[in-house]
Amino acid sequence: MAHAAVNMTVSCNIGKITGQTLAQTVAQFALGTAGQIHTINVIGPEFSVVLTGGPANTEVPIQAWVFLH
Protein backbone atom coordinates (compact mmCIF):
# COMPACT_ATOMS: atom_id res chain seq x y z
CA MET A 1 0.00 0.00 0.00
CA ALA A 2 1.36 3.43 -0.92
CA HIS A 3 1.26 6.06 1.79
CA ALA A 4 0.52 9.67 0.92
CA ALA A 5 2.66 12.43 2.42
CA VAL A 6 0.72 14.27 5.11
CA ASN A 7 1.29 17.42 7.12
CA MET A 8 1.06 16.21 10.72
CA THR A 9 2.24 17.27 14.16
CA VAL A 10 3.88 15.05 16.78
CA SER A 11 3.08 15.82 20.43
CA CYS A 12 4.93 14.17 23.33
CA ASN A 13 3.12 14.13 26.67
CA ILE A 14 4.38 13.20 30.13
CA GLY A 15 2.49 12.75 33.37
CA LYS A 16 -0.60 10.83 34.44
CA ILE A 17 -2.28 10.08 31.11
CA THR A 18 -4.83 7.41 32.03
CA GLY A 19 -8.00 8.18 33.97
CA GLN A 20 -8.16 11.80 35.11
CA THR A 21 -5.32 13.31 33.09
CA LEU A 22 -2.62 15.37 34.78
CA ALA A 23 -0.22 15.25 31.84
CA GLN A 24 1.34 18.08 29.91
CA THR A 25 2.83 18.41 26.44
CA VAL A 26 6.64 18.60 26.70
CA ALA A 27 7.52 18.64 23.00
CA GLN A 28 5.72 19.37 19.74
CA PHE A 29 7.20 19.25 16.24
CA ALA A 30 6.30 18.59 12.61
CA LEU A 31 6.36 14.96 11.47
CA GLY A 32 9.11 14.67 8.89
CA THR A 33 11.52 12.30 7.22
CA ALA A 34 14.72 14.17 8.06
CA GLY A 35 15.64 11.67 10.76
CA GLN A 36 16.10 14.35 13.41
CA ILE A 37 16.51 12.95 16.94
CA HIS A 38 14.41 14.55 19.67
CA THR A 39 15.57 14.01 23.24
CA ILE A 40 13.07 14.36 26.10
CA ASN A 41 13.68 13.69 29.79
CA VAL A 42 10.75 11.54 30.88
CA ILE A 43 10.06 12.45 34.50
CA GLY A 44 6.48 11.24 34.86
CA PRO A 45 4.80 7.91 35.33
CA GLU A 46 3.49 7.77 31.73
CA PHE A 47 4.68 8.95 28.30
CA SER A 48 2.69 9.21 25.06
CA VAL A 49 3.34 10.23 21.48
CA VAL A 50 0.32 11.55 19.54
CA LEU A 51 0.08 12.34 15.82
CA THR A 52 -2.47 15.02 14.85
CA GLY A 53 -3.45 17.04 11.80
CA GLY A 54 -3.83 14.32 9.18
CA PRO A 55 -6.98 13.43 7.29
CA ALA A 56 -9.30 10.88 8.92
CA ASN A 57 -8.26 7.21 8.56
CA THR A 58 -4.77 8.11 7.28
CA GLU A 59 -2.10 5.43 7.65
CA VAL A 60 1.33 6.86 8.39
CA PRO A 61 4.27 4.48 8.83
CA ILE A 62 6.59 5.79 11.53
CA GLN A 63 9.64 4.38 13.22
CA ALA A 64 10.42 5.51 16.74
CA TRP A 65 12.63 4.44 19.59
CA VAL A 66 12.16 5.07 23.28
CA PHE A 67 15.23 4.39 25.41
CA LEU A 68 14.72 4.10 29.15
CA HIS A 69 17.59 4.06 31.58
PDB file of N, CA and C in Angstrom:
ATOM      1  N   MET A   1       0.843  -1.170   0.000  1.00  0.00           N
ATOM      2  CA  MET A   1       0.000   0.000   0.000  1.00  0.00           C
ATOM      3  C   MET A   1       0.890   1.236   0.000  1.00  0.00           C
ATOM      4  N   ALA A   2       0.615   2.173  -0.877  1.00  0.00           N
ATOM      5  CA  ALA A   2       1.360   3.427  -0.916  1.00  0.00           C
ATOM      6  C   ALA A   2       0.799   4.378   0.128  1.00  0.00           C
ATOM      7  N   HIS A   3       1.667   5.107   0.765  1.00  0.00           N
ATOM      8  CA  HIS A   3       1.262   6.061   1.789  1.00  0.00           C
ATOM      9  C   HIS A   3       1.469   7.477   1.264  1.00  0.00           C
ATOM     10  N   ALA A   4       0.442   8.288   1.365  1.00  0.00           N
ATOM     11  CA  ALA A   4       0.524   9.672   0.924  1.00  0.00           C
ATOM     12  C   ALA A   4       1.246  10.512   1.964  1.00  0.00           C
ATOM     13  N   ALA A   5       2.007  11.492   1.498  1.00  0.00           N
ATOM     14  CA  ALA A   5       2.660  12.429   2.419  1.00  0.00           C
ATOM     15  C   ALA A   5       1.587  13.287   3.081  1.00  0.00           C
ATOM     16  N   VAL A   6       1.703  13.470   4.367  1.00  0.00           N
ATOM     17  CA  VAL A   6       0.724  14.267   5.106  1.00  0.00           C
ATOM     18  C   VAL A   6       1.444  15.296   5.956  1.00  0.00           C
ATOM     19  N   ASN A   7       0.752  16.366   6.267  1.00  0.00           N
ATOM     20  CA  ASN A   7       1.285  17.416   7.123  1.00  0.00           C
ATOM     21  C   ASN A   7       0.730  17.170   8.522  1.00  0.00           C
ATOM     22  N   MET A   8       1.533  16.580   9.385  1.00  0.00           N
ATOM     23  CA  MET A   8       1.065  16.210  10.716  1.00  0.00           C
ATOM     24  C   MET A   8       1.995  16.757  11.781  1.00  0.00           C
ATOM     25  N   THR A   9       1.479  16.812  13.011  1.00  0.00           N
ATOM     26  CA  THR A   9       2.243  17.275  14.156  1.00  0.00           C
ATOM     27  C   THR A   9       2.401  16.135  15.152  1.00  0.00           C
ATOM     28  N   VAL A  10       3.587  16.032  15.734  1.00  0.00           N
ATOM     29  CA  VAL A  10       3.877  15.054  16.777  1.00  0.00           C
ATOM     30  C   VAL A  10       3.863  15.779  18.112  1.00  0.00           C
ATOM     31  N   SER A  11       3.098  15.259  19.079  1.00  0.00           N
ATOM     32  CA  SER A  11       3.083  15.818  20.435  1.00  0.00           C
ATOM     33  C   SER A  11       3.538  14.739  21.404  1.00  0.00           C
ATOM     34  N   CYS A  12       4.453  15.084  22.298  1.00  0.00           N
ATOM     35  CA  CYS A  12       4.926  14.166  23.335  1.00  0.00           C
ATOM     36  C   CYS A  12       4.398  14.669  24.673  1.00  0.00           C
ATOM     37  N   ASN A  13       3.745  13.776  25.394  1.00  0.00           N
ATOM     38  CA  ASN A  13       3.118  14.130  26.671  1.00  0.00           C
ATOM     39  C   ASN A  13       3.683  13.276  27.796  1.00  0.00           C
ATOM     40  N   ILE A  14       3.862  13.892  28.948  1.00  0.00           N
ATOM     41  CA  ILE A  14       4.384  13.198  30.126  1.00  0.00           C
ATOM     42  C   ILE A  14       3.493  13.532  31.311  1.00  0.00           C
ATOM     43  N   GLY A  15       3.264  12.547  32.157  1.00  0.00           N
ATOM     44  CA  GLY A  15       2.490  12.747  33.375  1.00  0.00           C
ATOM     45  C   GLY A  15       1.557  11.581  33.606  1.00  0.00           C
ATOM     46  N   LYS A  16       0.425  11.848  34.228  1.00  0.00           N
ATOM     47  CA  LYS A  16      -0.603  10.830  34.439  1.00  0.00           C
ATOM     48  C   LYS A  16      -1.581  10.945  33.275  1.00  0.00           C
ATOM     49  N   ILE A  17      -1.513  10.001  32.340  1.00  0.00           N
ATOM     50  CA  ILE A  17      -2.279  10.079  31.106  1.00  0.00           C
ATOM     51  C   ILE A  17      -3.594   9.320  31.207  1.00  0.00           C
ATOM     52  N   THR A  18      -3.607   8.206  31.908  1.00  0.00           N
ATOM     53  CA  THR A  18      -4.828   7.406  32.029  1.00  0.00           C
ATOM     54  C   THR A  18      -5.744   7.980  33.107  1.00  0.00           C
ATOM     55  N   GLY A  19      -7.043   7.681  32.984  1.00  0.00           N
ATOM     56  CA  GLY A  19      -8.002   8.183  33.969  1.00  0.00           C
ATOM     57  C   GLY A  19      -8.085   9.696  33.908  1.00  0.00           C
ATOM     58  N   GLN A  20      -8.143  10.338  35.054  1.00  0.00           N
ATOM     59  CA  GLN A  20      -8.163  11.800  35.106  1.00  0.00           C
ATOM     60  C   GLN A  20      -6.762  12.303  34.764  1.00  0.00           C
ATOM     61  N   THR A  21      -6.635  12.935  33.622  1.00  0.00           N
ATOM     62  CA  THR A  21      -5.321  13.310  33.088  1.00  0.00           C
ATOM     63  C   THR A  21      -4.697  14.479  33.843  1.00  0.00           C
ATOM     64  N   LEU A  22      -3.430  14.312  34.187  1.00  0.00           N
ATOM     65  CA  LEU A  22      -2.616  15.375  34.778  1.00  0.00           C
ATOM     66  C   LEU A  22      -1.331  15.536  33.980  1.00  0.00           C
ATOM     67  N   ALA A  23      -1.402  15.202  32.684  1.00  0.00           N
ATOM     68  CA  ALA A  23      -0.216  15.246  31.838  1.00  0.00           C
ATOM     69  C   ALA A  23      -0.079  16.610  31.170  1.00  0.00           C
ATOM     70  N   GLN A  24       1.123  16.869  30.676  1.00  0.00           N
ATOM     71  CA  GLN A  24       1.340  18.083  29.906  1.00  0.00           C
ATOM     72  C   GLN A  24       2.185  17.762  28.688  1.00  0.00           C
ATOM     73  N   THR A  25       2.045  18.567  27.649  1.00  0.00           N
ATOM     74  CA  THR A  25       2.835  18.412  26.437  1.00  0.00           C
ATOM     75  C   THR A  25       4.227  18.984  26.687  1.00  0.00           C
ATOM     76  N   VAL A  26       5.252  18.170  26.447  1.00  0.00           N
ATOM     77  CA  VAL A  26       6.635  18.598  26.698  1.00  0.00           C
ATOM     78  C   VAL A  26       7.421  18.826  25.419  1.00  0.00           C
ATOM     79  N   ALA A  27       6.876  18.399  24.286  1.00  0.00           N
ATOM     80  CA  ALA A  27       7.520  18.644  22.996  1.00  0.00           C
ATOM     81  C   ALA A  27       6.460  18.563  21.906  1.00  0.00           C
ATOM     82  N   GLN A  28       6.627  19.386  20.878  1.00  0.00           N
ATOM     83  CA  GLN A  28       5.716  19.369  19.741  1.00  0.00           C
ATOM     84  C   GLN A  28       6.521  19.779  18.513  1.00  0.00           C
ATOM     85  N   PHE A  29       6.431  18.973  17.445  1.00  0.00           N
ATOM     86  CA  PHE A  29       7.204  19.248  16.243  1.00  0.00           C
ATOM     87  C   PHE A  29       6.512  18.625  15.031  1.00  0.00           C
ATOM     88  N   ALA A  30       6.873  19.104  13.850  1.00  0.00           N
ATOM     89  CA  ALA A  30       6.297  18.586  12.613  1.00  0.00           C
ATOM     90  C   ALA A  30       6.828  17.186  12.333  1.00  0.00           C
ATOM     91  N   LEU A  31       5.951  16.307  11.877  1.00  0.00           N
ATOM     92  CA  LEU A  31       6.357  14.965  11.471  1.00  0.00           C
ATOM     93  C   LEU A  31       7.112  15.099  10.157  1.00  0.00           C
ATOM     94  N   GLY A  32       8.306  14.540  10.100  1.00  0.00           N
ATOM     95  CA  GLY A  32       9.112  14.671   8.891  1.00  0.00           C
ATOM     96  C   GLY A  32       9.942  13.427   8.648  1.00  0.00           C
ATOM     97  N   THR A  33      10.680  13.447   7.571  1.00  0.00           N
ATOM     98  CA  THR A  33      11.518  12.299   7.222  1.00  0.00           C
ATOM     99  C   THR A  33      12.998  12.620   7.336  1.00  0.00           C
ATOM    100  N   ALA A  34      13.329  13.744   7.961  1.00  0.00           N
ATOM    101  CA  ALA A  34      14.723  14.170   8.056  1.00  0.00           C
ATOM    102  C   ALA A  34      15.548  13.323   9.023  1.00  0.00           C
ATOM    103  N   GLY A  35      14.909  12.506   9.836  1.00  0.00           N
ATOM    104  CA  GLY A  35      15.645  11.670  10.762  1.00  0.00           C
ATOM    105  C   GLY A  35      16.202  12.415  11.956  1.00  0.00           C
ATOM    106  N   GLN A  36      15.628  13.562  12.272  1.00  0.00           N
ATOM    107  CA  GLN A  36      16.099  14.347  13.414  1.00  0.00           C
ATOM    108  C   GLN A  36      15.766  13.617  14.708  1.00  0.00           C
ATOM    109  N   ILE A  37      16.710  13.595  15.642  1.00  0.00           N
ATOM    110  CA  ILE A  37      16.507  12.949  16.940  1.00  0.00           C
ATOM    111  C   ILE A  37      16.032  13.984  17.942  1.00  0.00           C
ATOM    112  N   HIS A  38      14.943  13.686  18.620  1.00  0.00           N
ATOM    113  CA  HIS A  38      14.408  14.554  19.669  1.00  0.00           C
ATOM    114  C   HIS A  38      14.647  13.870  20.998  1.00  0.00           C
ATOM    115  N   THR A  39      15.266  14.555  21.928  1.00  0.00           N
ATOM    116  CA  THR A  39      15.566  14.014  23.245  1.00  0.00           C
ATOM    117  C   THR A  39      14.672  14.683  24.278  1.00  0.00           C
ATOM    118  N   ILE A  40      14.003  13.854  25.077  1.00  0.00           N
ATOM    119  CA  ILE A  40      13.073  14.360  26.095  1.00  0.00           C
ATOM    120  C   ILE A  40      13.350  13.609  27.394  1.00  0.00           C
ATOM    121  N   ASN A  41      13.532  14.333  28.482  1.00  0.00           N
ATOM    122  CA  ASN A  41      13.683  13.692  29.790  1.00  0.00           C
ATOM    123  C   ASN A  41      12.303  13.317  30.310  1.00  0.00           C
ATOM    124  N   VAL A  42      12.046  12.022  30.400  1.00  0.00           N
ATOM    125  CA  VAL A  42      10.750  11.540  30.879  1.00  0.00           C
ATOM    126  C   VAL A  42      10.795  11.487  32.395  1.00  0.00           C
ATOM    127  N   ILE A  43      10.027  12.367  33.044  1.00  0.00           N
ATOM    128  CA  ILE A  43      10.062  12.453  34.499  1.00  0.00           C
ATOM    129  C   ILE A  43       8.698  12.157  35.119  1.00  0.00           C
ATOM    130  N   GLY A  44       7.813  11.558  34.348  1.00  0.00           N
ATOM    131  CA  GLY A  44       6.482  11.244  34.856  1.00  0.00           C
ATOM    132  C   GLY A  44       6.219   9.760  34.779  1.00  0.00           C
ATOM    133  N   PRO A  45       5.098   9.336  35.324  1.00  0.00           N
ATOM    134  CA  PRO A  45       4.800   7.909  35.328  1.00  0.00           C
ATOM    135  C   PRO A  45       4.388   7.371  33.960  1.00  0.00           C
ATOM    136  N   GLU A  46       3.927   8.228  33.043  1.00  0.00           N
ATOM    137  CA  GLU A  46       3.491   7.771  31.729  1.00  0.00           C
ATOM    138  C   GLU A  46       3.985   8.728  30.649  1.00  0.00           C
ATOM    139  N   PHE A  47       4.179   8.189  29.438  1.00  0.00           N
ATOM    140  CA  PHE A  47       4.682   8.950  28.304  1.00  0.00           C
ATOM    141  C   PHE A  47       3.878   8.559  27.076  1.00  0.00           C
ATOM    142  N   SER A  48       3.417   9.532  26.287  1.00  0.00           N
ATOM    143  CA  SER A  48       2.690   9.208  25.060  1.00  0.00           C
ATOM    144  C   SER A  48       3.179  10.066  23.910  1.00  0.00           C
ATOM    145  N   VAL A  49       3.031   9.522  22.718  1.00  0.00           N
ATOM    146  CA  VAL A  49       3.335  10.233  21.483  1.00  0.00           C
ATOM    147  C   VAL A  49       2.058  10.220  20.664  1.00  0.00           C
ATOM    148  N   VAL A  50       1.588  11.413  20.254  1.00  0.00           N
ATOM    149  CA  VAL A  50       0.323  11.547  19.541  1.00  0.00           C
ATOM    150  C   VAL A  50       0.565  12.262  18.222  1.00  0.00           C
ATOM    151  N   LEU A  51       0.016  11.699  17.128  1.00  0.00           N
ATOM    152  CA  LEU A  51       0.080  12.340  15.817  1.00  0.00           C
ATOM    153  C   LEU A  51      -1.256  13.010  15.550  1.00  0.00           C
ATOM    154  N   THR A  52      -1.236  14.289  15.144  1.00  0.00           N
ATOM    155  CA  THR A  52      -2.467  15.020  14.846  1.00  0.00           C
ATOM    156  C   THR A  52      -2.314  15.776  13.535  1.00  0.00           C
ATOM    157  N   GLY A  53      -3.456  16.176  12.971  1.00  0.00           N
ATOM    158  CA  GLY A  53      -3.452  17.040  11.801  1.00  0.00           C
ATOM    159  C   GLY A  53      -3.636  16.348  10.471  1.00  0.00           C
ATOM    160  N   GLY A  54      -3.648  15.028  10.443  1.00  0.00           N
ATOM    161  CA  GLY A  54      -3.830  14.324   9.177  1.00  0.00           C
ATOM    162  C   GLY A  54      -5.297  14.077   8.884  1.00  0.00           C
ATOM    163  N   PRO A  55      -5.604  13.763   7.641  1.00  0.00           N
ATOM    164  CA  PRO A  55      -6.981  13.426   7.292  1.00  0.00           C
ATOM    165  C   PRO A  55      -7.446  12.180   8.042  1.00  0.00           C
ATOM    166  N   ALA A  56      -8.744  12.050   8.225  1.00  0.00           N
ATOM    167  CA  ALA A  56      -9.300  10.878   8.923  1.00  0.00           C
ATOM    168  C   ALA A  56      -8.870   9.583   8.229  1.00  0.00           C
ATOM    169  N   ASN A  57      -8.610   8.560   9.038  1.00  0.00           N
ATOM    170  CA  ASN A  57      -8.255   7.211   8.563  1.00  0.00           C
ATOM    171  C   ASN A  57      -6.975   7.177   7.733  1.00  0.00           C
ATOM    172  N   THR A  58      -6.051   8.083   7.989  1.00  0.00           N
ATOM    173  CA  THR A  58      -4.775   8.107   7.283  1.00  0.00           C
ATOM    174  C   THR A  58      -3.809   7.140   7.940  1.00  0.00           C
ATOM    175  N   GLU A  59      -3.134   6.321   7.133  1.00  0.00           N
ATOM    176  CA  GLU A  59      -2.103   5.430   7.652  1.00  0.00           C
ATOM    177  C   GLU A  59      -0.750   6.082   7.410  1.00  0.00           C
ATOM    178  N   VAL A  60       0.013   6.242   8.488  1.00  0.00           N
ATOM    179  CA  VAL A  60       1.333   6.864   8.385  1.00  0.00           C
ATOM    180  C   VAL A  60       2.346   5.926   9.028  1.00  0.00           C
ATOM    181  N   PRO A  61       3.249   5.348   8.230  1.00  0.00           N
ATOM    182  CA  PRO A  61       4.273   4.481   8.827  1.00  0.00           C
ATOM    183  C   PRO A  61       5.320   5.336   9.531  1.00  0.00           C
ATOM    184  N   ILE A  62       5.552   5.070  10.794  1.00  0.00           N
ATOM    185  CA  ILE A  62       6.588   5.794  11.531  1.00  0.00           C
ATOM    186  C   ILE A  62       7.506   4.781  12.184  1.00  0.00           C
ATOM    187  N   GLN A  63       8.690   5.209  12.484  1.00  0.00           N
ATOM    188  CA  GLN A  63       9.637   4.385  13.219  1.00  0.00           C
ATOM    189  C   GLN A  63      10.141   5.244  14.363  1.00  0.00           C
ATOM    190  N   ALA A  64      10.012   4.745  15.572  1.00  0.00           N
ATOM    191  CA  ALA A  64      10.425   5.514  16.742  1.00  0.00           C
ATOM    192  C   ALA A  64      11.066   4.586  17.762  1.00  0.00           C
ATOM    193  N   TRP A  65      11.970   5.154  18.520  1.00  0.00           N
ATOM    194  CA  TRP A  65      12.629   4.436  19.593  1.00  0.00           C
ATOM    195  C   TRP A  65      12.438   5.196  20.887  1.00  0.00           C
ATOM    196  N   VAL A  66      12.196   4.478  21.944  1.00  0.00           N
ATOM    197  CA  VAL A  66      12.159   5.073  23.277  1.00  0.00           C
ATOM    198  C   VAL A  66      13.174   4.308  24.117  1.00  0.00           C
ATOM    199  N   PHE A  67      14.191   5.003  24.588  1.00  0.00           N
ATOM    200  CA  PHE A  67      15.229   4.392  25.405  1.00  0.00           C
ATOM    201  C   PHE A  67      15.012   4.809  26.851  1.00  0.00           C
ATOM    202  N   LEU A  68      14.872   3.832  27.722  1.00  0.00           N
ATOM    203  CA  LEU A  68      14.716   4.100  29.145  1.00  0.00           C
ATOM    204  C   LEU A  68      15.967   3.647  29.867  1.00  0.00           C
ATOM    205  N   HIS A  69      16.419   4.484  30.776  1.00  0.00           N
ATOM    206  CA  HIS A  69      17.592   4.057  31.580  1.00  0.00           C
ATOM    207  C   HIS A  69      17.473   4.618  32.963  1.00  0.00           C
TER     208      HIS A  69
END
